[in-house]
């Protein structure tokens, strides 16, 4: 066996990852808990997307079903076919949906929820653990499909929570959920390193 073949066999297989948060919405500017509320990008959000150089080479983008993610993907990856993945949607904030701190500052349920690091049940919504598990499972399925299909690239446009959930669960660099926070139109380019046993990790993240 040649040295080149031995080297290739020793190198783990990788998939290049682009993981992006949608651009701004009115709810973002008003600091509202808009998780499953389906609002469009605001004018500033559209302009922020347009200021980025569009990536014309991407052929497929995996997107959250929510409009703000799909609009962002359309502007940033105009030639790409969009595939909607339901479980990439943002967390469901339940009774806190559409509200901000001013609306909730006198609500004891809100303070208990924040003090629990969002782990206490949010009435009619998800806990952080439930949300992270949902997103992480969906992401693992997407990686498995990409690996079995021989794909070399995975491009995802979703939400801030989605980005944090994926990175907190799978990044080689250990950080807490909130330490992976990114701004609107932000995210990471990274490398998915596939294991021989079918597992994977995310390595070398670079902010977008």
Protein backbone atom coordinates (compact mmCIF):
# COMPACT_ATOMS: atom_id res chain seq x y z
CA UNK A 1 0.00 0.00 0.00
CA UNK A 2 1.39 3.40 -0.96
CA UNK A 3 2.11 6.07 1.62
CA UNK A 4 -0.49 8.31 -0.03
CA UNK A 5 -3.20 5.65 0.37
CA UNK A 6 -2.21 5.08 4.00
CA UNK A 7 -2.40 8.82 4.67
CA UNK A 8 -5.84 9.07 3.08
CA UNK A 9 -7.10 6.14 5.14
CA UNK A 10 -5.83 7.73 8.35
CA UNK A 11 -7.49 11.09 7.69
CA UNK A 12 -11.03 11.37 9.08
CA UNK A 13 -13.73 12.30 6.62
CA UNK A 14 -15.05 15.84 6.96
CA UNK A 15 -18.00 17.96 5.88
CA UNK A 16 -17.74 21.74 5.71
CA UNK A 17 -20.44 23.46 7.76
CA UNK A 18 -21.97 26.91 7.44
CA UNK A 19 -24.38 27.55 10.32
CA UNK A 20 -26.10 30.93 10.11
CA UNK A 21 -28.62 32.93 12.11
CA UNK A 22 -31.29 34.88 10.23
CA UNK A 23 -31.09 38.65 9.76
CA UNK A 24 -32.92 41.16 11.93
CA UNK A 25 -36.64 41.36 12.47
CA UNK A 26 -38.67 44.03 14.23
CA UNK A 27 -38.92 41.68 17.19
CA UNK A 28 -35.11 41.51 17.42
CA UNK A 29 -34.85 45.29 17.61
CA UNK A 30 -37.55 45.37 20.28
CA UNK A 31 -35.84 42.52 22.20
CA UNK A 32 -38.95 40.34 22.08
CA UNK A 33 -39.12 36.61 22.71
CA UNK A 34 -40.21 35.77 19.19
CA UNK A 35 -39.60 32.07 18.85
CA UNK A 36 -42.40 30.44 16.88
CA UNK A 37 -44.00 33.77 15.95
CA UNK A 38 -43.51 33.88 12.19
CA UNK A 39 -42.44 37.42 11.38
CA UNK A 40 -40.58 38.65 8.28
CA UNK A 41 -37.27 40.43 8.12
CA UNK A 42 -37.49 44.16 8.76
CA UNK A 43 -36.00 46.71 6.36
CA UNK A 44 -32.74 46.83 8.31
CA UNK A 45 -32.52 43.04 8.20
CA UNK A 46 -32.98 42.95 4.45
CA UNK A 47 -30.32 45.64 4.04
CA UNK A 48 -27.91 43.70 6.27
CA UNK A 49 -28.31 40.64 4.05
CA UNK A 50 -27.86 42.68 0.90
CA UNK A 51 -24.63 44.16 2.23
CA UNK A 52 -23.12 40.68 2.34
CA UNK A 53 -21.66 39.29 -0.85
CA UNK A 54 -24.12 36.61 -1.98
CA UNK A 55 -22.75 33.08 -2.18
CA UNK A 56 -23.75 32.04 -5.67
CA UNK A 57 -22.04 28.66 -5.50
CA UNK A 58 -24.22 27.07 -2.83
CA UNK A 59 -26.76 24.73 -4.42
CA UNK A 60 -28.73 23.62 -1.34
CA UNK A 61 -29.61 25.31 1.94
CA UNK A 62 -31.35 23.65 4.88
CA UNK A 63 -33.69 26.16 6.48
CA UNK A 64 -36.02 26.58 9.41
CA UNK A 65 -39.67 26.74 8.33
CA UNK A 66 -39.98 30.27 9.71
CA UNK A 67 -40.10 33.11 7.20
CA UNK A 68 -37.17 35.11 8.60
CA UNK A 69 -34.81 32.20 8.01
CA UNK A 70 -36.12 31.48 4.52
CA UNK A 71 -35.87 35.14 3.51
CA UNK A 72 -32.29 35.34 4.79
CA UNK A 73 -31.33 32.23 2.85
CA UNK A 74 -32.94 33.57 -0.33
CA UNK A 75 -30.88 36.77 -0.21
CA UNK A 76 -27.58 35.28 0.96
CA UNK A 77 -27.72 32.11 -1.16
CA UNK A 78 -29.85 33.16 -4.15
CA UNK A 79 -29.09 30.14 -6.35
CA UNK A 80 -29.72 27.54 -3.66
CA UNK A 81 -32.65 25.17 -3.42
CA UNK A 82 -34.21 25.48 0.04
CA UNK A 83 -35.09 22.39 2.03
CA UNK A 84 -37.28 23.10 5.06
CA UNK A 85 -36.39 21.17 8.21
CA UNK A 86 -39.16 21.61 10.79
CA UNK A 87 -37.05 20.84 13.86
CA UNK A 88 -34.53 23.59 13.08
CA UNK A 89 -37.14 26.17 14.16
CA UNK A 90 -36.50 28.44 17.13
CA UNK A 91 -37.56 27.53 20.65
CA UNK A 92 -41.20 27.91 21.64
CA UNK A 93 -41.37 30.55 24.37
CA UNK A 94 -44.96 29.70 25.24
CA UNK A 95 -46.76 32.41 27.18
CA UNK A 96 -43.72 34.69 26.81
CA UNK A 97 -43.95 34.73 23.01
CA UNK A 98 -43.99 38.24 21.54
CA UNK A 99 -43.12 39.91 24.84
CA UNK A 100 -39.98 41.66 26.06
CA UNK A 101 -38.56 42.49 29.47
CA UNK A 102 -40.76 45.55 29.90
CA UNK A 103 -43.83 43.42 29.33
CA UNK A 104 -42.66 40.70 31.72
CA UNK A 105 -40.74 42.53 34.44
CA UNK A 106 -43.57 42.13 36.97
CA UNK A 107 -44.37 38.52 36.07
CA UNK A 108 -43.06 36.12 38.73
CA UNK A 109 -43.25 33.22 36.28
CA UNK A 110 -40.84 35.00 33.98
CA UNK A 111 -38.34 35.67 36.77
CA UNK A 112 -38.45 32.02 37.86
CA UNK A 113 -37.85 30.94 34.28
CA UNK A 114 -34.84 33.25 33.82
CA UNK A 115 -33.35 32.29 37.19
CA UNK A 116 -33.59 28.62 36.21
CA UNK A 117 -31.51 29.33 33.08
CA UNK A 118 -34.68 28.67 31.07
CA UNK A 119 -34.92 25.11 32.42
CA UNK A 120 -38.13 25.55 34.40
CA UNK A 121 -41.15 24.67 32.28
CA UNK A 122 -42.38 27.65 30.30
CA UNK A 123 -46.16 27.36 30.17
CA UNK A 124 -47.20 26.17 26.70
CA UNK A 125 -43.54 26.27 25.58
CA UNK A 126 -40.25 24.35 25.70
CA UNK A 127 -37.49 24.12 28.26
CA UNK A 128 -33.96 24.77 27.06
CA UNK A 129 -33.17 21.06 27.39
CA UNK A 130 -36.18 20.07 25.28
CA UNK A 131 -35.27 22.61 22.62
CA UNK A 132 -31.61 21.59 22.52
CA UNK A 133 -32.51 17.90 22.23
CA UNK A 134 -34.92 18.61 19.36
CA UNK A 135 -32.41 20.65 17.39
CA UNK A 136 -29.46 18.36 18.14
CA UNK A 137 -31.38 15.29 16.98
CA UNK A 138 -32.42 17.03 13.76
CA UNK A 139 -28.86 18.17 13.09
CA UNK A 140 -27.49 14.67 13.67
CA UNK A 141 -29.95 13.30 11.12
CA UNK A 142 -28.86 15.92 8.58
CA UNK A 143 -25.20 15.04 9.11
CA UNK A 144 -25.98 11.34 8.71
CA UNK A 145 -27.82 11.98 5.44
CA UNK A 146 -25.02 14.20 4.14
CA UNK A 147 -22.38 11.63 5.08
CA UNK A 148 -24.22 8.72 3.48
CA UNK A 149 -24.79 10.79 0.33
CA UNK A 150 -21.14 11.75 0.06
CA UNK A 151 -21.84 15.46 0.43
CA UNK A 152 -18.93 17.74 1.26
CA UNK A 153 -20.90 20.77 2.46
CA UNK A 154 -23.80 21.50 4.79
CA UNK A 155 -25.34 24.99 4.79
CA UNK A 156 -28.00 25.82 7.38
CA UNK A 157 -29.90 29.08 7.94
CA UNK A 158 -32.00 29.08 11.08
CA UNK A 159 -32.00 30.92 14.43
CA UNK A 160 -29.77 32.09 17.23
CA UNK A 161 -31.07 29.34 19.48
CA UNK A 162 -30.50 26.76 16.77
CA UNK A 163 -26.87 27.82 16.38
CA UNK A 164 -26.30 27.72 20.14
CA UNK A 165 -27.94 24.31 20.53
CA UNK A 166 -25.88 22.71 17.76
CA UNK A 167 -22.58 24.15 18.92
CA UNK A 168 -23.18 23.46 22.61
CA UNK A 169 -23.98 19.82 21.85
CA UNK A 170 -21.40 18.96 19.18
CA UNK A 171 -18.47 21.41 19.18
CA UNK A 172 -15.11 19.99 20.23
CA UNK A 173 -14.51 23.23 22.12
CA UNK A 174 -16.66 22.99 25.22
CA UNK A 175 -18.69 26.11 25.96
CA UNK A 176 -22.04 26.69 27.60
CA UNK A 177 -25.16 27.14 25.49
CA UNK A 178 -25.24 30.92 25.79
CA UNK A 179 -21.51 31.29 25.13
CA UNK A 180 -22.19 30.30 21.51
CA UNK A 181 -24.45 33.31 20.98
CA UNK A 182 -24.13 35.05 17.60
CA UNK A 183 -25.64 38.29 16.24
CA UNK A 184 -28.22 38.43 13.49
CA UNK A 185 -26.69 37.36 10.17
CA UNK A 186 -23.87 35.81 12.21
CA UNK A 187 -22.93 32.22 12.76
CA UNK A 188 -19.99 29.90 12.18
CA UNK A 189 -18.06 28.21 9.44
CA UNK A 190 -16.64 24.99 10.81
CA UNK A 191 -15.65 21.44 9.98
CA UNK A 192 -17.76 18.41 10.84
CA UNK A 193 -15.36 15.57 11.65
CA UNK A 194 -16.95 12.17 11.08
CA UNK A 195 -16.02 9.23 13.31
CA UNK A 196 -15.68 5.66 12.11
CA UNK A 197 -18.54 4.62 14.41
CA UNK A 198 -20.97 7.08 12.82
CA UNK A 199 -20.56 9.86 15.37
CA UNK A 200 -19.18 13.31 14.70
CA UNK A 201 -17.91 16.51 16.26
CA UNK A 202 -17.66 20.11 15.05
CA UNK A 203 -14.13 21.49 14.87
CA UNK A 204 -12.43 24.82 14.15
CA UNK A 205 -15.43 27.18 14.21
CA UNK A 206 -14.78 30.61 12.71
CA UNK A 207 -17.37 33.39 13.09
CA UNK A 208 -19.10 34.44 9.87
